[in-house]
Protein backbone atom coordinates (compact mmCIF):
# COMPACT_ATOMS: atom_id res chain seq x y z
CA MET A 1 44.00 25.56 63.43
CA LEU A 2 42.16 22.72 61.68
CA LYS A 3 41.80 20.85 65.00
CA LYS A 4 40.17 23.91 66.59
CA VAL A 5 37.68 24.19 63.72
CA ALA A 6 36.90 20.46 63.85
CA ALA A 7 36.43 20.61 67.63
CA GLY A 8 34.16 23.63 67.23
CA MET A 9 32.05 21.94 64.57
CA LEU A 10 31.76 18.77 66.67
CA GLY A 11 30.83 20.88 69.68
CA LEU A 12 28.07 22.59 67.71
CA LEU A 13 26.78 19.25 66.45
CA LEU A 14 26.70 17.86 69.97
CA ALA A 15 24.97 20.99 71.26
CA LEU A 16 22.28 20.75 68.58
CA SER A 17 21.80 17.05 69.32
CA SER A 18 21.40 17.85 73.02
CA LEU A 19 18.89 20.57 72.18
CA PHE A 20 16.96 18.13 69.97
CA PHE A 21 16.56 15.64 72.82
CA ALA A 22 15.67 18.44 75.24
CA VAL A 23 12.85 19.53 72.91
CA ILE A 24 11.59 15.95 72.71
CA ILE A 25 11.65 15.71 76.52
CA GLY A 26 9.70 18.95 76.80
CA TYR A 27 7.14 17.83 74.25
CA LEU A 28 6.60 14.46 75.93
CA CYS A 29 6.29 16.06 79.35
CA SER A 30 3.75 18.57 78.12
CA THR A 31 1.62 16.06 76.21
CA GLU A 32 1.87 12.92 78.34
CA ILE A 33 2.90 13.78 81.90
CA MET A 34 1.33 17.18 82.55
CA PRO A 35 -2.26 15.95 81.93
CA ALA A 36 -1.69 13.21 84.52
CA ILE A 37 -0.29 15.72 87.02
CA ARG A 38 -3.26 18.03 86.47
CA ASN A 39 -5.51 15.12 87.43
CA GLY A 40 -3.58 14.78 90.69
CA SER A 41 -1.54 11.68 89.90
CA LEU A 42 1.80 10.68 88.41
CA ASN A 43 0.19 7.61 86.86
CA VAL A 44 0.19 8.02 83.07
CA GLU A 45 -2.63 6.05 81.45
CA THR A 46 -2.05 6.74 77.76
CA SER A 47 -0.04 4.79 75.26
CA THR A 48 2.34 6.44 72.82
CA MET A 49 4.09 5.02 69.77
CA ILE A 50 7.73 6.18 69.84
CA LEU A 51 10.64 4.48 68.05
CA ASN A 52 8.31 1.79 66.63
CA ARG A 53 7.34 0.70 70.13
CA THR A 54 4.20 1.43 72.10
CA TRP A 55 5.07 2.91 75.47
CA ALA A 56 2.08 2.12 77.67
CA GLY A 57 1.37 3.88 80.92
CA ASN A 58 4.29 4.63 83.18
CA GLU A 59 6.85 3.14 80.77
CA ILE A 60 7.10 6.66 79.33
CA TYR A 61 9.17 7.58 82.40
CA LEU A 62 11.85 5.10 81.32
CA LEU A 63 11.99 6.67 77.88
CA LEU A 64 12.20 10.15 79.38
CA ALA A 65 14.98 9.08 81.74
CA GLY A 66 16.97 7.68 78.82
CA TYR A 67 16.44 10.80 76.75
CA LEU A 68 17.42 12.99 79.70
CA LEU A 69 20.61 11.02 80.23
CA LEU A 70 21.41 11.29 76.53
CA ALA A 71 20.71 15.03 76.44
CA VAL A 72 22.92 15.68 79.47
CA ALA A 73 25.75 13.55 78.09
CA LEU A 74 25.60 15.28 74.71
CA GLY A 75 25.47 18.68 76.42
CA PHE A 76 28.53 17.85 78.50
CA GLY A 77 30.37 16.65 75.40
CA ALA A 78 29.42 19.87 73.60
CA TYR A 79 30.74 21.91 76.51
CA LYS A 80 34.05 20.05 76.50
CA MET A 81 34.47 20.30 72.72
CA LEU A 82 33.59 23.99 72.54
CA ARG A 83 35.92 24.72 75.45
CA LYS A 84 38.68 22.82 73.67
CA ALA A 85 38.00 24.75 70.44
CA ILE A 86 38.14 28.12 72.18
CA ALA A 87 41.14 27.37 74.41
CA GLY A 88 42.99 25.70 71.58
């Protein structure tokens, strides 16, 4: 019983972490990438300070790719943990 509760709590933590990174991805896309797309280009010409580093221009795509990979991995881990908690 304790293992099911622990797996459920870990699953919820992983799900919230995945949601956190998904919100960050959405925010960065709406503030950095969508203005460039509205101008008819995928070339981002702004610079953004994230994680004590200035991401200039198209480097933001690397950050978004890393965050997307992290969000998907955390979401998959949450799915597996919650499934394990329910199935027992």
